[in-house]
Amino acid sequence: MQCYAKPLLILAGLLALLLAVLGVVLPGLPPPFLLLATACFAKSSPRLQLGNRLFGPMITDWKQHPAISRRVKCIIIGCWEA
Protein backbone atom coordinates (compact mmCIF):
# COMPACT_ATOMS: atom_id res chain seq x y z
CA MET A 1 0.00 0.00 0.00
CA GLN A 2 1.36 3.40 -0.88
CA CYS A 3 2.33 5.89 1.79
CA TYR A 4 -0.55 8.29 1.14
CA ALA A 5 -3.27 5.63 1.01
CA LYS A 6 -3.21 4.71 4.72
CA PRO A 7 -3.94 8.21 6.08
CA LEU A 8 -6.65 8.72 3.45
CA LEU A 9 -8.31 5.43 4.39
CA ILE A 10 -8.15 6.30 8.09
CA LEU A 11 -9.65 9.74 7.37
CA ALA A 12 -12.40 8.17 5.24
CA GLY A 13 -13.09 5.65 8.01
CA LEU A 14 -13.37 8.38 10.63
CA LEU A 15 -15.70 10.41 8.40
CA ALA A 16 -17.89 7.35 7.75
CA LEU A 17 -17.92 6.60 11.49
CA LEU A 18 -19.04 10.15 12.22
CA LEU A 19 -21.82 9.83 9.64
CA ALA A 20 -22.87 6.50 11.19
CA VAL A 21 -23.13 8.14 14.61
CA LEU A 22 -25.15 10.99 13.11
CA GLY A 23 -27.35 8.39 11.38
CA VAL A 24 -28.48 7.17 14.79
CA VAL A 25 -29.87 10.61 15.58
CA LEU A 26 -30.93 11.82 12.13
CA PRO A 27 -33.52 9.58 10.47
CA GLY A 28 -32.71 10.53 6.86
CA LEU A 29 -29.11 9.26 6.79
CA PRO A 30 -28.57 5.86 5.16
CA PRO A 31 -27.28 3.17 7.57
CA PRO A 32 -24.33 1.49 5.79
CA PHE A 33 -21.77 4.07 6.95
CA LEU A 34 -20.59 1.75 9.74
CA LEU A 35 -19.82 -0.94 7.17
CA LEU A 36 -17.89 1.59 5.10
CA ALA A 37 -15.91 2.68 8.16
CA THR A 38 -15.06 -0.94 8.97
CA ALA A 39 -13.90 -1.56 5.41
CA CYS A 40 -11.71 1.56 5.44
CA PHE A 41 -10.15 0.64 8.79
CA ALA A 42 -9.59 -2.96 7.64
CA LYS A 43 -7.71 -1.80 4.55
CA SER A 44 -5.65 0.78 6.40
CA SER A 45 -4.57 -1.18 9.48
CA PRO A 46 -5.52 -4.52 11.06
CA ARG A 47 -4.94 -2.96 14.49
CA LEU A 48 -7.70 -0.42 13.88
CA GLN A 49 -10.08 -3.13 12.77
CA LEU A 50 -9.45 -5.76 15.44
CA GLY A 51 -8.48 -3.47 18.32
CA ASN A 52 -12.06 -2.43 19.02
CA ARG A 53 -13.42 -4.00 22.23
CA LEU A 54 -16.99 -4.09 20.94
CA PHE A 55 -16.58 -5.17 17.31
CA GLY A 56 -13.11 -6.77 17.35
CA PRO A 57 -14.21 -10.19 18.68
CA MET A 58 -17.11 -10.34 16.21
CA ILE A 59 -14.83 -9.52 13.29
CA THR A 60 -12.28 -12.12 14.41
CA ASP A 61 -15.07 -14.70 14.74
CA TRP A 62 -16.34 -13.79 11.25
CA LYS A 63 -12.85 -14.30 9.78
CA GLN A 64 -12.59 -17.76 11.39
CA HIS A 65 -16.17 -18.88 10.65
CA PRO A 66 -17.89 -16.78 7.95
CA ALA A 67 -21.34 -16.98 9.51
CA ILE A 68 -23.37 -14.99 12.00
CA SER A 69 -23.52 -16.66 15.40
CA ARG A 70 -26.80 -17.61 17.01
CA ARG A 71 -26.19 -15.13 19.86
CA VAL A 72 -25.75 -12.23 17.44
CA LYS A 73 -28.84 -13.29 15.48
CA CYS A 74 -30.90 -13.23 18.69
CA ILE A 75 -29.56 -9.77 19.54
CA ILE A 76 -30.42 -8.49 16.07
CA ILE A 77 -33.95 -9.92 16.21
CA GLY A 78 -34.42 -8.49 19.70
CA CYS A 79 -33.39 -5.01 18.55
CA TRP A 80 -35.56 -5.06 15.42
CA GLU A 81 -38.06 -2.22 15.31
CA ALA A 82 -41.52 -2.92 13.99
PDB file of N, CA and C in Angstrom:
ATOM      1  N   MET A   1       0.850  -1.170   0.000  1.00  0.00           N
ATOM      2  CA  MET A   1       0.000   0.000   0.000  1.00  0.00           C
ATOM      3  C   MET A   1       0.901   1.239   0.000  1.00  0.00           C
ATOM      4  N   GLN A   2       0.522   2.213  -0.760  1.00  0.00           N
ATOM      5  CA  GLN A   2       1.358   3.397  -0.882  1.00  0.00           C
ATOM      6  C   GLN A   2       1.234   4.280   0.350  1.00  0.00           C
ATOM      7  N   CYS A   3       2.226   5.130   0.540  1.00  0.00           N
ATOM      8  CA  CYS A   3       2.333   5.888   1.794  1.00  0.00           C
ATOM      9  C   CYS A   3       1.176   6.862   2.016  1.00  0.00           C
ATOM     10  N   TYR A   4       0.551   7.334   0.964  1.00  0.00           N
ATOM     11  CA  TYR A   4      -0.547   8.287   1.143  1.00  0.00           C
ATOM     12  C   TYR A   4      -1.903   7.605   1.274  1.00  0.00           C
ATOM     13  N   ALA A   5      -1.986   6.320   0.979  1.00  0.00           N
ATOM     14  CA  ALA A   5      -3.272   5.627   1.008  1.00  0.00           C
ATOM     15  C   ALA A   5      -3.744   5.356   2.436  1.00  0.00           C
ATOM     16  N   LYS A   6      -2.818   5.015   3.337  1.00  0.00           N
ATOM     17  CA  LYS A   6      -3.212   4.705   4.721  1.00  0.00           C
ATOM     18  C   LYS A   6      -3.876   5.888   5.421  1.00  0.00           C
ATOM     19  N   PRO A   7      -3.269   7.073   5.410  1.00  0.00           N
ATOM     20  CA  PRO A   7      -3.942   8.207   6.075  1.00  0.00           C
ATOM     21  C   PRO A   7      -5.282   8.562   5.438  1.00  0.00           C
ATOM     22  N   LEU A   8      -5.380   8.417   4.107  1.00  0.00           N
ATOM     23  CA  LEU A   8      -6.654   8.720   3.453  1.00  0.00           C
ATOM     24  C   LEU A   8      -7.728   7.709   3.840  1.00  0.00           C
ATOM     25  N   LEU A   9      -7.348   6.441   3.963  1.00  0.00           N
ATOM     26  CA  LEU A   9      -8.314   5.427   4.388  1.00  0.00           C
ATOM     27  C   LEU A   9      -8.745   5.646   5.840  1.00  0.00           C
ATOM     28  N   ILE A  10      -7.805   6.023   6.685  1.00  0.00           N
ATOM     29  CA  ILE A  10      -8.155   6.301   8.086  1.00  0.00           C
ATOM     30  C   ILE A  10      -9.085   7.512   8.165  1.00  0.00           C
ATOM     31  N   LEU A  11      -8.791   8.549   7.392  1.00  0.00           N
ATOM     32  CA  LEU A  11      -9.649   9.735   7.370  1.00  0.00           C
ATOM     33  C   LEU A  11     -11.043   9.396   6.842  1.00  0.00           C
ATOM     34  N   ALA A  12     -11.102   8.589   5.779  1.00  0.00           N
ATOM     35  CA  ALA A  12     -12.402   8.175   5.240  1.00  0.00           C
ATOM     36  C   ALA A  12     -13.164   7.325   6.256  1.00  0.00           C
ATOM     37  N   GLY A  13     -12.450   6.463   6.980  1.00  0.00           N
ATOM     38  CA  GLY A  13     -13.090   5.649   8.010  1.00  0.00           C
ATOM     39  C   GLY A  13     -13.650   6.493   9.140  1.00  0.00           C
ATOM     40  N   LEU A  14     -12.891   7.503   9.563  1.00  0.00           N
ATOM     41  CA  LEU A  14     -13.372   8.383  10.631  1.00  0.00           C
ATOM     42  C   LEU A  14     -14.582   9.196  10.184  1.00  0.00           C
ATOM     43  N   LEU A  15     -14.555   9.659   8.937  1.00  0.00           N
ATOM     44  CA  LEU A  15     -15.698  10.406   8.404  1.00  0.00           C
ATOM     45  C   LEU A  15     -16.937   9.512   8.314  1.00  0.00           C
ATOM     46  N   ALA A  16     -16.760   8.284   7.840  1.00  0.00           N
ATOM     47  CA  ALA A  16     -17.886   7.352   7.755  1.00  0.00           C
ATOM     48  C   ALA A  16     -18.403   7.002   9.145  1.00  0.00           C
ATOM     49  N   LEU A  17     -17.499   6.882  10.108  1.00  0.00           N
ATOM     50  CA  LEU A  17     -17.919   6.596  11.487  1.00  0.00           C
ATOM     51  C   LEU A  17     -18.721   7.760  12.059  1.00  0.00           C
ATOM     52  N   LEU A  18     -18.293   8.977  11.781  1.00  0.00           N
ATOM     53  CA  LEU A  18     -19.036  10.154  12.219  1.00  0.00           C
ATOM     54  C   LEU A  18     -20.435  10.178  11.589  1.00  0.00           C
ATOM     55  N   LEU A  19     -20.519   9.863  10.304  1.00  0.00           N
ATOM     56  CA  LEU A  19     -21.825   9.828   9.643  1.00  0.00           C
ATOM     57  C   LEU A  19     -22.699   8.704  10.189  1.00  0.00           C
ATOM     58  N   ALA A  20     -22.095   7.594  10.584  1.00  0.00           N
ATOM     59  CA  ALA A  20     -22.866   6.497  11.189  1.00  0.00           C
ATOM     60  C   ALA A  20     -23.436   6.922  12.530  1.00  0.00           C
ATOM     61  N   VAL A  21     -22.645   7.649  13.319  1.00  0.00           N
ATOM     62  CA  VAL A  21     -23.128   8.141  14.610  1.00  0.00           C
ATOM     63  C   VAL A  21     -24.245   9.161  14.398  1.00  0.00           C
ATOM     64  N   LEU A  22     -24.083  10.027  13.412  1.00  0.00           N
ATOM     65  CA  LEU A  22     -25.150  10.991  13.109  1.00  0.00           C
ATOM     66  C   LEU A  22     -26.403  10.286  12.587  1.00  0.00           C
ATOM     67  N   GLY A  23     -26.214   9.153  11.901  1.00  0.00           N
ATOM     68  CA  GLY A  23     -27.346   8.390  11.380  1.00  0.00           C
ATOM     69  C   GLY A  23     -28.220   7.810  12.469  1.00  0.00           C
ATOM     70  N   VAL A  24     -27.673   7.651  13.675  1.00  0.00           N
ATOM     71  CA  VAL A  24     -28.479   7.170  14.794  1.00  0.00           C
ATOM     72  C   VAL A  24     -29.474   8.245  15.209  1.00  0.00           C
ATOM     73  N   VAL A  25     -29.044   9.497  15.136  1.00  0.00           N
ATOM     74  CA  VAL A  25     -29.874  10.613  15.580  1.00  0.00           C
ATOM     75  C   VAL A  25     -30.759  11.149  14.451  1.00  0.00           C
ATOM     76  N   LEU A  26     -30.193  11.267  13.264  1.00  0.00           N
ATOM     77  CA  LEU A  26     -30.931  11.818  12.129  1.00  0.00           C
ATOM     78  C   LEU A  26     -31.551  10.696  11.308  1.00  0.00           C
ATOM     79  N   PRO A  27     -32.863  10.702  11.130  1.00  0.00           N
ATOM     80  CA  PRO A  27     -33.517   9.582  10.469  1.00  0.00           C
ATOM     81  C   PRO A  27     -33.286   9.498   8.961  1.00  0.00           C
ATOM     82  N   GLY A  28     -32.840  10.545   8.314  1.00  0.00           N
ATOM     83  CA  GLY A  28     -32.706  10.532   6.859  1.00  0.00           C
ATOM     84  C   GLY A  28     -31.390   9.977   6.342  1.00  0.00           C
ATOM     85  N   LEU A  29     -30.429   9.739   7.221  1.00  0.00           N
ATOM     86  CA  LEU A  29     -29.114   9.258   6.787  1.00  0.00           C
ATOM     87  C   LEU A  29     -29.153   7.750   6.536  1.00  0.00           C
ATOM     88  N   PRO A  30     -28.575   7.301   5.414  1.00  0.00           N
ATOM     89  CA  PRO A  30     -28.566   5.856   5.161  1.00  0.00           C
ATOM     90  C   PRO A  30     -27.650   5.112   6.142  1.00  0.00           C
ATOM     91  N   PRO A  31     -28.003   3.880   6.512  1.00  0.00           N
ATOM     92  CA  PRO A  31     -27.282   3.168   7.573  1.00  0.00           C
ATOM     93  C   PRO A  31     -25.939   2.524   7.239  1.00  0.00           C
ATOM     94  N   PRO A  32     -25.537   2.291   5.999  1.00  0.00           N
ATOM     95  CA  PRO A  32     -24.325   1.485   5.789  1.00  0.00           C
ATOM     96  C   PRO A  32     -23.001   2.209   6.029  1.00  0.00           C
ATOM     97  N   PHE A  33     -23.022   3.358   6.700  1.00  0.00           N
ATOM     98  CA  PHE A  33     -21.768   4.069   6.945  1.00  0.00           C
ATOM     99  C   PHE A  33     -20.853   3.306   7.908  1.00  0.00           C
ATOM    100  N   LEU A  34     -21.414   2.543   8.827  1.00  0.00           N
ATOM    101  CA  LEU A  34     -20.594   1.752   9.744  1.00  0.00           C
ATOM    102  C   LEU A  34     -19.846   0.651   8.991  1.00  0.00           C
ATOM    103  N   LEU A  35     -20.493   0.059   8.005  1.00  0.00           N
ATOM    104  CA  LEU A  35     -19.821  -0.936   7.166  1.00  0.00           C
ATOM    105  C   LEU A  35     -18.696  -0.301   6.351  1.00  0.00           C
ATOM    106  N   LEU A  36     -18.931   0.883   5.845  1.00  0.00           N
ATOM    107  CA  LEU A  36     -17.893   1.588   5.097  1.00  0.00           C
ATOM    108  C   LEU A  36     -16.714   1.930   6.001  1.00  0.00           C
ATOM    109  N   ALA A  37     -16.984   2.367   7.219  1.00  0.00           N
ATOM    110  CA  ALA A  37     -15.910   2.678   8.164  1.00  0.00           C
ATOM    111  C   ALA A  37     -15.094   1.434   8.481  1.00  0.00           C
ATOM    112  N   THR A  38     -15.764   0.309   8.690  1.00  0.00           N
ATOM    113  CA  THR A  38     -15.060  -0.941   8.968  1.00  0.00           C
ATOM    114  C   THR A  38     -14.185  -1.356   7.800  1.00  0.00           C
ATOM    115  N   ALA A  39     -14.693  -1.201   6.586  1.00  0.00           N
ATOM    116  CA  ALA A  39     -13.902  -1.555   5.407  1.00  0.00           C
ATOM    117  C   ALA A  39     -12.678  -0.655   5.277  1.00  0.00           C
ATOM    118  N   CYS A  40     -12.842   0.634   5.518  1.00  0.00           N
ATOM    119  CA  CYS A  40     -11.707   1.557   5.442  1.00  0.00           C
ATOM    120  C   CYS A  40     -10.657   1.237   6.501  1.00  0.00           C
ATOM    121  N   PHE A  41     -11.099   0.969   7.721  1.00  0.00           N
ATOM    122  CA  PHE A  41     -10.152   0.641   8.787  1.00  0.00           C
ATOM    123  C   PHE A  41      -9.463  -0.694   8.523  1.00  0.00           C
ATOM    124  N   ALA A  42     -10.182  -1.646   7.936  1.00  0.00           N
ATOM    125  CA  ALA A  42      -9.588  -2.956   7.640  1.00  0.00           C
ATOM    126  C   ALA A  42      -8.502  -2.836   6.585  1.00  0.00           C
ATOM    127  N   LYS A  43      -8.714  -1.983   5.601  1.00  0.00           N
ATOM    128  CA  LYS A  43      -7.714  -1.804   4.548  1.00  0.00           C
ATOM    129  C   LYS A  43      -6.519  -0.994   5.020  1.00  0.00           C
ATOM    130  N   SER A  44      -6.744  -0.088   5.969  1.00  0.00           N
ATOM    131  CA  SER A  44      -5.652   0.780   6.401  1.00  0.00           C
ATOM    132  C   SER A  44      -4.762   0.109   7.435  1.00  0.00           C
ATOM    133  N   SER A  45      -5.364  -0.593   8.402  1.00  0.00           N
ATOM    134  CA  SER A  45      -4.568  -1.178   9.479  1.00  0.00           C
ATOM    135  C   SER A  45      -5.374  -2.266  10.185  1.00  0.00           C
ATOM    136  N   PRO A  46      -4.809  -3.477  10.320  1.00  0.00           N
ATOM    137  CA  PRO A  46      -5.523  -4.522  11.058  1.00  0.00           C
ATOM    138  C   PRO A  46      -5.707  -4.166  12.536  1.00  0.00           C
ATOM    139  N   ARG A  47      -4.814  -3.367  13.090  1.00  0.00           N
ATOM    140  CA  ARG A  47      -4.936  -2.965  14.495  1.00  0.00           C
ATOM    141  C   ARG A  47      -6.184  -2.110  14.708  1.00  0.00           C
ATOM    142  N   LEU A  48      -6.498  -1.247  13.749  1.00  0.00           N
ATOM    143  CA  LEU A  48      -7.696  -0.419  13.879  1.00  0.00           C
ATOM    144  C   LEU A  48      -8.970  -1.248  13.742  1.00  0.00           C
ATOM    145  N   GLN A  49      -8.902  -2.308  12.958  1.00  0.00           N
ATOM    146  CA  GLN A  49     -10.085  -3.134  12.766  1.00  0.00           C
ATOM    147  C   GLN A  49     -10.316  -4.062  13.949  1.00  0.00           C
ATOM    148  N   LEU A  50      -9.283  -4.735  14.415  1.00  0.00           N
ATOM    149  CA  LEU A  50      -9.449  -5.762  15.436  1.00  0.00           C
ATOM    150  C   LEU A  50      -9.227  -5.243  16.848  1.00  0.00           C
ATOM    151  N   GLY A  51      -8.758  -4.016  17.001  1.00  0.00           N
ATOM    152  CA  GLY A  51      -8.476  -3.473  18.319  1.00  0.00           C
ATOM    153  C   GLY A  51      -9.699  -2.959  19.058  1.00  0.00           C
ATOM    154  N   ASN A  52     -10.835  -2.926  18.406  1.00  0.00           N
ATOM    155  CA  ASN A  52     -12.056  -2.426  19.019  1.00  0.00           C
ATOM    156  C   ASN A  52     -12.606  -3.469  19.986  1.00  0.00           C
ATOM    157  N   ARG A  53     -12.902  -3.053  21.232  1.00  0.00           N
ATOM    158  CA  ARG A  53     -13.422  -3.999  22.230  1.00  0.00           C
ATOM    159  C   ARG A  53     -14.802  -4.508  21.882  1.00  0.00           C
ATOM    160  N   LEU A  54     -15.614  -3.687  21.243  1.00  0.00           N
ATOM    161  CA  LEU A  54     -16.987  -4.088  20.944  1.00  0.00           C
ATOM    162  C   LEU A  54     -17.071  -4.937  19.681  1.00  0.00           C
ATOM    163  N   PHE A  55     -16.445  -4.491  18.597  1.00  0.00           N
ATOM    164  CA  PHE A  55     -16.580  -5.169  17.314  1.00  0.00           C
ATOM    165  C   PHE A  55     -15.422  -6.101  16.984  1.00  0.00           C
ATOM    166  N   GLY A  56     -14.288  -5.949  17.644  1.00  0.00           N
ATOM    167  CA  GLY A  56     -13.112  -6.769  17.351  1.00  0.00           C
ATOM    168  C   GLY A  56     -13.354  -8.267  17.457  1.00  0.00           C
ATOM    169  N   PRO A  57     -13.947  -8.750  18.577  1.00  0.00           N
ATOM    170  CA  PRO A  57     -14.206 -10.188  18.680  1.00  0.00           C
ATOM    171  C   PRO A  57     -15.180 -10.705  17.610  1.00  0.00           C
ATOM    172  N   MET A  58     -16.175  -9.911  17.247  1.00  0.00           N
ATOM    173  CA  MET A  58     -17.114 -10.341  16.212  1.00  0.00           C
ATOM    174  C   MET A  58     -16.426 -10.442  14.855  1.00  0.00           C
ATOM    175  N   ILE A  59     -15.543  -9.489  14.563  1.00  0.00           N
ATOM    176  CA  ILE A  59     -14.828  -9.517  13.288  1.00  0.00           C
ATOM    177  C   ILE A  59     -13.876 -10.702  13.239  1.00  0.00           C
ATOM    178  N   THR A  60     -13.177 -10.970  14.352  1.00  0.00           N
ATOM    179  CA  THR A  60     -12.285 -12.124  14.415  1.00  0.00           C
ATOM    180  C   THR A  60     -13.069 -13.415  14.229  1.00  0.00           C
ATOM    181  N   ASP A  61     -14.223 -13.520  14.878  1.00  0.00           N
ATOM    182  CA  ASP A  61     -15.069 -14.695  14.739  1.00  0.00           C
ATOM    183  C   ASP A  61     -15.545 -14.859  13.301  1.00  0.00           C
ATOM    184  N   TRP A  62     -15.891 -13.747  12.650  1.00  0.00           N
ATOM    185  CA  TRP A  62     -16.342 -13.787  11.253  1.00  0.00           C
ATOM    186  C   TRP A  62     -15.223 -14.279  10.338  1.00  0.00           C
ATOM    187  N   LYS A  63     -13.973 -13.865  10.619  1.00  0.00           N
ATOM    188  CA  LYS A  63     -12.851 -14.302   9.785  1.00  0.00           C
ATOM    189  C   LYS A  63     -12.588 -15.797   9.953  1.00  0.00           C
ATOM    190  N   GLN A  64     -12.811 -16.331  11.157  1.00  0.00           N
ATOM    191  CA  GLN A  64     -12.595 -17.757  11.387  1.00  0.00           C
ATOM    192  C   GLN A  64     -13.747 -18.599  10.846  1.00  0.00           C
ATOM    193  N   HIS A  65     -14.973 -18.162  11.087  1.00  0.00           N
ATOM    194  CA  HIS A  65     -16.172 -18.884  10.651  1.00  0.00           C
ATOM    195  C   HIS A  65     -17.097 -17.882   9.973  1.00  0.00           C
ATOM    196  N   PRO A  66     -17.092 -17.812   8.640  1.00  0.00           N
ATOM    197  CA  PRO A  66     -17.893 -16.785   7.951  1.00  0.00           C
ATOM    198  C   PRO A  66     -19.403 -17.036   8.051  1.00  0.00           C
ATOM    199  N   ALA A  67     -19.908 -16.856   9.258  1.00  0.00           N
ATOM    200  CA  ALA A  67     -21.344 -16.980   9.509  1.00  0.00           C
ATOM    201  C   ALA A  67     -21.682 -16.149  10.741  1.00  0.00           C
ATOM    202  N   ILE A  68     -22.923 -15.758  10.853  1.00  0.00           N
ATOM    203  CA  ILE A  68     -23.367 -14.986  12.002  1.00  0.00           C
ATOM    204  C   ILE A  68     -23.758 -15.962  13.104  1.00  0.00           C
ATOM    205  N   SER A  69     -23.242 -15.738  14.303  1.00  0.00           N
ATOM    206  CA  SER A  69     -23.517 -16.658  15.405  1.00  0.00           C
ATOM    207  C   SER A  69     -24.974 -16.544  15.861  1.00  0.00           C
ATOM    208  N   ARG A  70     -25.428 -17.582  16.527  1.00  0.00           N
ATOM    209  CA  ARG A  70     -26.800 -17.613  17.015  1.00  0.00           C
ATOM    210  C   ARG A  70     -27.051 -16.485  18.016  1.00  0.00           C
ATOM    211  N   ARG A  71     -26.061 -16.193  18.864  1.00  0.00           N
ATOM    212  CA  ARG A  71     -26.190 -15.130  19.861  1.00  0.00           C
ATOM    213  C   ARG A  71     -26.409 -13.774  19.187  1.00  0.00           C
ATOM    214  N   VAL A  72     -25.625 -13.504  18.143  1.00  0.00           N
ATOM    215  CA  VAL A  72     -25.751 -12.226  17.435  1.00  0.00           C
ATOM    216  C   VAL A  72     -27.090 -12.155  16.708  1.00  0.00           C
ATOM    217  N   LYS A  73     -27.535 -13.273  16.140  1.00  0.00           N
ATOM    218  CA  LYS A  73     -28.843 -13.286  15.479  1.00  0.00           C
ATOM    219  C   LYS A  73     -29.963 -12.954  16.467  1.00  0.00           C
ATOM    220  N   CYS A  74     -29.883 -13.517  17.667  1.00  0.00           N
ATOM    221  CA  CYS A  74     -30.903 -13.227  18.687  1.00  0.00           C
ATOM    222  C   CYS A  74     -30.872 -11.758  19.101  1.00  0.00           C
ATOM    223  N   ILE A  75     -29.680 -11.192  19.204  1.00  0.00           N
ATOM    224  CA  ILE A  75     -29.559  -9.771  19.543  1.00  0.00           C
ATOM    225  C   ILE A  75     -30.171  -8.914  18.446  1.00  0.00           C
ATOM    226  N   ILE A  76     -29.884  -9.260  17.196  1.00  0.00           N
ATOM    227  CA  ILE A  76     -30.418  -8.490  16.066  1.00  0.00           C
ATOM    228  C   ILE A  76     -31.939  -8.570  16.038  1.00  0.00           C
ATOM    229  N   ILE A  77     -32.491  -9.756  16.219  1.00  0.00           N
ATOM    230  CA  ILE A  77     -33.947  -9.921  16.210  1.00  0.00           C
ATOM    231  C   ILE A  77     -34.575  -9.177  17.383  1.00  0.00           C
ATOM    232  N   GLY A  78     -33.897  -9.194  18.533  1.00  0.00           N
ATOM    233  CA  GLY A  78     -34.422  -8.490  19.703  1.00  0.00           C
ATOM    234  C   GLY A  78     -34.410  -6.979  19.552  1.00  0.00           C
ATOM    235  N   CYS A  79     -33.486  -6.462  18.755  1.00  0.00           N
ATOM    236  CA  CYS A  79     -33.392  -5.009  18.546  1.00  0.00           C
ATOM    237  C   CYS A  79     -34.222  -4.523  17.354  1.00  0.00           C
ATOM    238  N   TRP A  80     -34.820  -5.430  16.631  1.00  0.00           N
ATOM    239  CA  TRP A  80     -35.559  -5.064  15.424  1.00  0.00           C
ATOM    240  C   TRP A  80     -36.762  -4.211  15.776  1.00  0.00           C
ATOM    241  N   GLU A  81     -36.914  -3.109  15.076  1.00  0.00           N
ATOM    242  CA  GLU A  81     -38.057  -2.225  15.312  1.00  0.00           C
ATOM    243  C   GLU A  81     -39.177  -2.580  14.336  1.00  0.00           C
ATOM    244  N   ALA A  82     -40.372  -2.583  14.834  1.00  0.00           N
ATOM    245  CA  ALA A  82     -41.525  -2.922  13.986  1.00  0.00           C
ATOM    246  C   ALA A  82     -42.022  -1.694  13.262  1.00  0.00           C
TER     247      ALA A  82
END
